[in-house]
């Protein structure tokens, strides 16, 4: 399986099965893009459900059917989505596929690998859970073409969290990990509670570039 490496500073390789879609999303200069969700297994036997954006030039939409296994190489992209009822922008993440292959045999490699080389763009937030587990949140800006950047939430654990706490805004860092989905509940002003999903990179290794 030799797919093209999409980027030096922002890349994800991910395997899983299609859950929902593909659904038409938008056109760019006559090129149609589609969205679908990819269900990828964790080592713990739980799973992540992640958003994929893919061009019609990469896939035959008729071949992309529910529960079919696919392997994707791409980048994590971010964009702002304006929420009118809350009068604010929300950061939205997607996996932008650069290459894709339908898999018909047993897949034995790591199903979810991320590498980012970017800059700390917000002071890291360090905290401990009620069970004493150390966590730090980092927002990483990763440059891409045409003077644009993607802003990617990352979460570190244990000694990586302690290391992250000492990072400064503007530091150039490299990190390795996996992209994950996380469900949480949000309480609305009216008192209602809704279920939402956040996406982030769970970091297994991190280093500061000198």
C-alpha atoms as a PDB file:
ATOM      1  CA  UNK A   1       0.000   0.000   0.000  1.00  0.00           C
ATOM      2  CA  UNK A   2       1.923   3.075  -1.243  1.00  0.00           C
ATOM      3  CA  UNK A   3      -0.109   6.247  -0.885  1.00  0.00           C
ATOM      4  CA  UNK A   4       1.383   9.696  -1.314  1.00  0.00           C
ATOM      5  CA  UNK A   5       2.612  11.451   1.851  1.00  0.00           C
ATOM      6  CA  UNK A   6       0.374  14.543   1.972  1.00  0.00           C
ATOM      7  CA  UNK A   7       2.393  16.939   4.122  1.00  0.00           C
ATOM      8  CA  UNK A   8       5.604  17.313   6.081  1.00  0.00           C
ATOM      9  CA  UNK A   9       4.124  19.184   9.055  1.00  0.00           C
ATOM     10  CA  UNK A  10       0.534  17.914   9.290  1.00  0.00           C
ATOM     11  CA  UNK A  11      -0.330  14.347   8.469  1.00  0.00           C
ATOM     12  CA  UNK A  12      -2.715  11.669   9.585  1.00  0.00           C
ATOM     13  CA  UNK A  13      -3.040   8.070   8.473  1.00  0.00           C
ATOM     14  CA  UNK A  14      -6.234   6.410   9.544  1.00  0.00           C
ATOM     15  CA  UNK A  15      -8.099   3.152   8.940  1.00  0.00           C
ATOM     16  CA  UNK A  16     -11.701   2.360   9.723  1.00  0.00           C
ATOM     17  CA  UNK A  17     -15.148   1.726   8.308  1.00  0.00           C
ATOM     18  CA  UNK A  18     -17.601   4.148   6.812  1.00  0.00           C
ATOM     19  CA  UNK A  19     -20.504   5.141   9.038  1.00  0.00           C
ATOM     20  CA  UNK A  20     -22.924   7.454   7.262  1.00  0.00           C
ATOM     21  CA  UNK A  21     -22.359   9.087   3.906  1.00  0.00           C
ATOM     22  CA  UNK A  22     -20.758  10.138   1.817  1.00  0.00           C
ATOM     23  CA  UNK A  23     -22.947  13.236   1.675  1.00  0.00           C
ATOM     24  CA  UNK A  24     -22.358  16.147  -0.689  1.00  0.00           C
ATOM     25  CA  UNK A  25     -20.770  19.103   1.144  1.00  0.00           C
ATOM     26  CA  UNK A  26     -19.659  21.850  -1.256  1.00  0.00           C
ATOM     27  CA  UNK A  27     -17.955  22.754  -4.541  1.00  0.00           C
ATOM     28  CA  UNK A  28     -14.625  24.531  -5.061  1.00  0.00           C
ATOM     29  CA  UNK A  29     -14.018  25.686  -8.638  1.00  0.00           C
ATOM     30  CA  UNK A  30     -16.226  22.896  -9.951  1.00  0.00           C
ATOM     31  CA  UNK A  31     -14.687  20.176  -7.751  1.00  0.00           C
ATOM     32  CA  UNK A  32     -17.247  18.502  -5.473  1.00  0.00           C
ATOM     33  CA  UNK A  33     -16.404  17.526  -1.899  1.00  0.00           C
ATOM     34  CA  UNK A  34     -18.175  14.965   0.274  1.00  0.00           C
ATOM     35  CA  UNK A  35     -18.363  14.267   4.011  1.00  0.00           C
ATOM     36  CA  UNK A  36     -18.679  10.993   5.886  1.00  0.00           C
ATOM     37  CA  UNK A  37     -17.841   9.590   9.315  1.00  0.00           C
ATOM     38  CA  UNK A  38     -15.116   7.016   9.868  1.00  0.00           C
ATOM     39  CA  UNK A  39     -15.303   4.545  12.757  1.00  0.00           C
ATOM     40  CA  UNK A  40     -11.777   3.634  13.887  1.00  0.00           C
ATOM     41  CA  UNK A  41     -10.901   1.167  16.632  1.00  0.00           C
ATOM     42  CA  UNK A  42      -8.835   1.991  19.735  1.00  0.00           C
ATOM     43  CA  UNK A  43      -6.527  -0.483  21.490  1.00  0.00           C
ATOM     44  CA  UNK A  44      -9.017  -0.441  24.374  1.00  0.00           C
ATOM     45  CA  UNK A  45     -11.623  -1.895  21.968  1.00  0.00           C
ATOM     46  CA  UNK A  46     -13.678   1.295  22.169  1.00  0.00           C
ATOM     47  CA  UNK A  47     -13.741   3.451  19.044  1.00  0.00           C
ATOM     48  CA  UNK A  48     -13.614   6.999  17.689  1.00  0.00           C
ATOM     49  CA  UNK A  49     -16.084   8.382  15.169  1.00  0.00           C
ATOM     50  CA  UNK A  50     -14.247  10.983  13.095  1.00  0.00           C
ATOM     51  CA  UNK A  51     -15.308  13.414  10.337  1.00  0.00           C
ATOM     52  CA  UNK A  52     -13.784  13.019   6.854  1.00  0.00           C
ATOM     53  CA  UNK A  53     -13.857  15.462   3.940  1.00  0.00           C
ATOM     54  CA  UNK A  54     -12.915  14.014   0.550  1.00  0.00           C
ATOM     55  CA  UNK A  55     -12.877  15.129  -3.090  1.00  0.00           C
ATOM     56  CA  UNK A  56     -14.802  13.465  -5.881  1.00  0.00           C
ATOM     57  CA  UNK A  57     -11.458  13.194  -7.677  1.00  0.00           C
ATOM     58  CA  UNK A  58     -10.240  10.706  -5.072  1.00  0.00           C
ATOM     59  CA  UNK A  59     -13.258   8.437  -4.701  1.00  0.00           C
ATOM     60  CA  UNK A  60     -15.985   6.802  -6.694  1.00  0.00           C
ATOM     61  CA  UNK A  61     -18.981   7.761  -4.569  1.00  0.00           C
ATOM     62  CA  UNK A  62     -20.822   4.594  -5.600  1.00  0.00           C
ATOM     63  CA  UNK A  63     -18.079   2.453  -4.009  1.00  0.00           C
ATOM     64  CA  UNK A  64     -18.267   4.280  -0.667  1.00  0.00           C
ATOM     65  CA  UNK A  65     -20.987   2.361   1.108  1.00  0.00           C
ATOM     66  CA  UNK A  66     -21.857   1.885   4.791  1.00  0.00           C
ATOM     67  CA  UNK A  67     -19.389  -0.294   6.785  1.00  0.00           C
ATOM     68  CA  UNK A  68     -16.846  -0.532   3.972  1.00  0.00           C
ATOM     69  CA  UNK A  69     -13.228  -0.422   5.233  1.00  0.00           C
ATOM     70  CA  UNK A  70     -10.978   2.380   3.974  1.00  0.00           C
ATOM     71  CA  UNK A  71      -7.446   3.642   4.607  1.00  0.00           C
ATOM     72  CA  UNK A  72      -6.899   7.399   4.372  1.00  0.00           C
ATOM     73  CA  UNK A  73      -3.865   9.670   4.270  1.00  0.00           C
ATOM     74  CA  UNK A  74      -4.527  13.326   4.852  1.00  0.00           C
ATOM     75  CA  UNK A  75      -4.322  16.367   7.076  1.00  0.00           C
ATOM     76  CA  UNK A  76      -6.263  17.663  10.050  1.00  0.00           C
ATOM     77  CA  UNK A  77      -7.965  20.875   8.947  1.00  0.00           C
ATOM     78  CA  UNK A  78      -9.840  23.493  10.952  1.00  0.00           C
ATOM     79  CA  UNK A  79     -12.327  26.203  10.047  1.00  0.00           C
ATOM     80  CA  UNK A  80     -14.626  28.593  11.866  1.00  0.00           C
ATOM     81  CA  UNK A  81     -18.344  27.888  11.787  1.00  0.00           C
ATOM     82  CA  UNK A  82     -20.588  30.775  12.834  1.00  0.00           C
ATOM     83  CA  UNK A  83     -23.326  29.733  15.291  1.00  0.00           C
ATOM     84  CA  UNK A  84     -26.088  32.296  14.891  1.00  0.00           C
ATOM     85  CA  UNK A  85     -28.071  31.404  18.025  1.00  0.00           C
ATOM     86  CA  UNK A  86     -24.915  31.791  20.165  1.00  0.00           C
ATOM     87  CA  UNK A  87     -23.512  34.746  18.181  1.00  0.00           C
ATOM     88  CA  UNK A  88     -20.019  33.259  18.035  1.00  0.00           C
ATOM     89  CA  UNK A  89     -17.613  31.280  15.889  1.00  0.00           C
ATOM     90  CA  UNK A  90     -16.906  27.648  16.704  1.00  0.00           C
ATOM     91  CA  UNK A  91     -13.685  25.884  15.724  1.00  0.00           C
ATOM     92  CA  UNK A  92     -14.571  22.835  13.622  1.00  0.00           C
ATOM     93  CA  UNK A  93     -12.136  20.035  12.760  1.00  0.00           C
ATOM     94  CA  UNK A  94     -12.169  17.581   9.884  1.00  0.00           C
ATOM     95  CA  UNK A  95      -9.759  15.089   8.351  1.00  0.00           C
ATOM     96  CA  UNK A  96      -9.082  16.325   4.825  1.00  0.00           C
ATOM     97  CA  UNK A  97      -8.275  13.269   2.719  1.00  0.00           C
ATOM     98  CA  UNK A  98      -5.391  13.559   0.264  1.00  0.00           C
ATOM     99  CA  UNK A  99      -5.445   9.917  -0.737  1.00  0.00           C
ATOM    100  CA  UNK A 100      -7.696   6.968  -0.023  1.00  0.00           C
ATOM    101  CA  UNK A 101      -7.812   3.229  -0.597  1.00  0.00           C
ATOM    102  CA  UNK A 102     -10.583   0.713  -0.061  1.00  0.00           C
ATOM    103  CA  UNK A 103      -9.321  -2.222   2.029  1.00  0.00           C
ATOM    104  CA  UNK A 104     -10.682  -5.721   1.507  1.00  0.00           C
ATOM    105  CA  UNK A 105      -8.156  -7.666   3.622  1.00  0.00           C
ATOM    106  CA  UNK A 106      -7.321  -7.708   7.334  1.00  0.00           C
ATOM    107  CA  UNK A 107      -5.569  -4.481   8.371  1.00  0.00           C
ATOM    108  CA  UNK A 108      -2.749  -5.004  10.889  1.00  0.00           C
ATOM    109  CA  UNK A 109      -0.983  -1.620  11.147  1.00  0.00           C
ATOM    110  CA  UNK A 110      -1.673   1.230  13.588  1.00  0.00           C
ATOM    111  CA  UNK A 111      -5.175   2.394  12.607  1.00  0.00           C
ATOM    112  CA  UNK A 112      -4.773   6.020  13.734  1.00  0.00           C
ATOM    113  CA  UNK A 113      -1.476   7.954  13.547  1.00  0.00           C
ATOM    114  CA  UNK A 114      -0.981  11.736  13.667  1.00  0.00           C
ATOM    115  CA  UNK A 115       2.121  13.920  13.319  1.00  0.00           C
ATOM    116  CA  UNK A 116       2.057  17.709  13.754  1.00  0.00           C
ATOM    117  CA  UNK A 117       4.844  20.284  13.561  1.00  0.00           C
ATOM    118  CA  UNK A 118       3.454  23.642  14.633  1.00  0.00           C
ATOM    119  CA  UNK A 119       3.383  26.471  17.150  1.00  0.00           C
ATOM    120  CA  UNK A 120       1.754  26.917  20.540  1.00  0.00           C
ATOM    121  CA  UNK A 121      -0.811  29.667  19.954  1.00  0.00           C
ATOM    122  CA  UNK A 122      -2.500  29.761  23.372  1.00  0.00           C
ATOM    123  CA  UNK A 123      -1.122  29.271  26.880  1.00  0.00           C
ATOM    124  CA  UNK A 124      -1.417  25.542  27.766  1.00  0.00           C
ATOM    125  CA  UNK A 125      -3.984  24.681  30.442  1.00  0.00           C
ATOM    126  CA  UNK A 126      -2.779  22.165  33.027  1.00  0.00           C
ATOM    127  CA  UNK A 127      -5.181  20.404  35.395  1.00  0.00           C
ATOM    128  CA  UNK A 128      -5.743  17.187  37.304  1.00  0.00           C
ATOM    129  CA  UNK A 129      -8.819  14.966  37.176  1.00  0.00           C
ATOM    130  CA  UNK A 130     -10.787  13.967  40.316  1.00  0.00           C
ATOM    131  CA  UNK A 131      -8.789  10.706  40.170  1.00  0.00           C
ATOM    132  CA  UNK A 132      -5.467  12.573  40.169  1.00  0.00           C
ATOM    133  CA  UNK A 133      -4.600  12.127  36.482  1.00  0.00           C
ATOM    134  CA  UNK A 134      -2.565  14.993  35.028  1.00  0.00           C
ATOM    135  CA  UNK A 135      -3.795  16.591  31.789  1.00  0.00           C
ATOM    136  CA  UNK A 136      -2.755  19.613  29.743  1.00  0.00           C
ATOM    137  CA  UNK A 137      -4.588  21.145  26.776  1.00  0.00           C
ATOM    138  CA  UNK A 138      -2.599  22.782  23.962  1.00  0.00           C
ATOM    139  CA  UNK A 139      -3.873  24.657  20.911  1.00  0.00           C
ATOM    140  CA  UNK A 140      -1.382  24.155  18.073  1.00  0.00           C
ATOM    141  CA  UNK A 141      -1.235  26.290  14.919  1.00  0.00           C
ATOM    142  CA  UNK A 142       0.070  24.380  11.896  1.00  0.00           C
ATOM    143  CA  UNK A 143       0.952  26.316   8.736  1.00  0.00           C
ATOM    144  CA  UNK A 144      -0.318  25.327   5.325  1.00  0.00           C
ATOM    145  CA  UNK A 145      -0.320  26.773   1.821  1.00  0.00           C
ATOM    146  CA  UNK A 146      -1.550  30.242   0.855  1.00  0.00           C
ATOM    147  CA  UNK A 147      -0.639  31.774   4.244  1.00  0.00           C
ATOM    148  CA  UNK A 148      -3.310  29.792   6.059  1.00  0.00           C
ATOM    149  CA  UNK A 149      -3.069  27.891   9.336  1.00  0.00           C
ATOM    150  CA  UNK A 150      -5.008  25.103  10.999  1.00  0.00           C
ATOM    151  CA  UNK A 151      -5.693  25.370  14.730  1.00  0.00           C
ATOM    152  CA  UNK A 152      -5.725  21.939  16.311  1.00  0.00           C
ATOM    153  CA  UNK A 153      -6.665  21.164  19.950  1.00  0.00           C
ATOM    154  CA  UNK A 154      -4.300  18.634  21.533  1.00  0.00           C
ATOM    155  CA  UNK A 155      -4.370  16.901  24.902  1.00  0.00           C
ATOM    156  CA  UNK A 156      -1.356  15.523  26.797  1.00  0.00           C
ATOM    157  CA  UNK A 157      -1.169  13.221  29.814  1.00  0.00           C
ATOM    158  CA  UNK A 158       1.144  12.512  32.757  1.00  0.00           C
ATOM    159  CA  UNK A 159       4.728  13.633  32.233  1.00  0.00           C
ATOM    160  CA  UNK A 160       3.801  15.006  28.801  1.00  0.00           C
ATOM    161  CA  UNK A 161       1.239  17.207  30.575  1.00  0.00           C
ATOM    162  CA  UNK A 162       3.906  18.469  33.000  1.00  0.00           C
ATOM    163  CA  UNK A 163       6.190  19.222  30.031  1.00  0.00           C
ATOM    164  CA  UNK A 164       3.362  20.989  28.183  1.00  0.00           C
ATOM    165  CA  UNK A 165       2.593  23.221  31.159  1.00  0.00           C
ATOM    166  CA  UNK A 166       6.023  24.858  30.731  1.00  0.00           C
ATOM    167  CA  UNK A 167       5.543  25.666  27.033  1.00  0.00           C
ATOM    168  CA  UNK A 168       5.177  29.289  25.949  1.00  0.00           C
ATOM    169  CA  UNK A 169       3.038  30.861  23.252  1.00  0.00           C
ATOM    170  CA  UNK A 170       5.091  30.842  20.046  1.00  0.00           C
ATOM    171  CA  UNK A 171       7.114  27.733  20.882  1.00  0.00           C
ATOM    172  CA  UNK A 172       7.665  25.426  17.911  1.00  0.00           C
ATOM    173  CA  UNK A 173       6.719  21.871  18.889  1.00  0.00           C
ATOM    174  CA  UNK A 174       6.463  18.463  17.261  1.00  0.00           C
ATOM    175  CA  UNK A 175       3.999  15.899  18.478  1.00  0.00           C
ATOM    176  CA  UNK A 176       2.827  12.388  17.691  1.00  0.00           C
ATOM    177  CA  UNK A 177      -0.435  10.731  18.685  1.00  0.00           C
ATOM    178  CA  UNK A 178      -3.903   9.894  17.418  1.00  0.00           C
ATOM    179  CA  UNK A 179      -7.065  11.822  16.654  1.00  0.00           C
ATOM    180  CA  UNK A 180      -9.968  11.059  18.945  1.00  0.00           C
ATOM    181  CA  UNK A 181     -13.620  11.942  19.475  1.00  0.00           C
ATOM    182  CA  UNK A 182     -14.969  12.754  22.911  1.00  0.00           C
ATOM    183  CA  UNK A 183     -18.609  13.083  23.950  1.00  0.00           C
ATOM    184  CA  UNK A 184     -19.633  15.685  26.503  1.00  0.00           C
ATOM    185  CA  UNK A 185     -22.776  17.392  27.738  1.00  0.00           C
ATOM    186  CA  UNK A 186     -23.457  21.106  27.359  1.00  0.00           C
ATOM    187  CA  UNK A 187     -26.066  22.947  29.385  1.00  0.00           C
ATOM    188  CA  UNK A 188     -28.048  25.538  27.448  1.00  0.00           C
ATOM    189  CA  UNK A 189     -29.308  28.850  28.817  1.00  0.00           C
ATOM    190  CA  UNK A 190     -32.843  27.440  28.987  1.00  0.00           C
ATOM    191  CA  UNK A 191     -31.606  24.646  31.252  1.00  0.00           C
ATOM    192  CA  UNK A 192     -31.691  21.920  28.605  1.00  0.00           C
ATOM    193  CA  UNK A 193     -28.688  19.614  28.289  1.00  0.00           C
ATOM    194  CA  UNK A 194     -27.461  18.470  24.885  1.00  0.00           C
ATOM    195  CA  UNK A 195     -24.889  15.849  23.906  1.00  0.00           C
ATOM    196  CA  UNK A 196     -21.972  17.170  21.826  1.00  0.00           C
ATOM    197  CA  UNK A 197     -18.767  15.732  20.360  1.00  0.00           C
ATOM    198  CA  UNK A 198     -15.292  17.289  20.519  1.00  0.00           C
ATOM    199  CA  UNK A 199     -12.333  16.256  18.370  1.00  0.00           C
ATOM    200  CA  UNK A 200      -8.700  16.520  19.479  1.00  0.00           C
ATOM    201  CA  UNK A 201      -5.287  14.920  19.120  1.00  0.00           C
ATOM    202  CA  UNK A 202      -4.341  12.678  22.042  1.00  0.00           C
ATOM    203  CA  UNK A 203      -0.558  13.073  22.296  1.00  0.00           C
ATOM    204  CA  UNK A 204       1.782  10.136  22.981  1.00  0.00           C
ATOM    205  CA  UNK A 205       5.069  11.990  22.324  1.00  0.00           C
ATOM    206  CA  UNK A 206       5.940  15.693  22.286  1.00  0.00           C
ATOM    207  CA  UNK A 207       9.137  17.703  21.894  1.00  0.00           C
ATOM    208  CA  UNK A 208      10.132  21.359  21.615  1.00  0.00           C
ATOM    209  CA  UNK A 209      12.030  22.300  18.442  1.00  0.00           C
ATOM    210  CA  UNK A 210      15.179  24.364  18.940  1.00  0.00           C
END
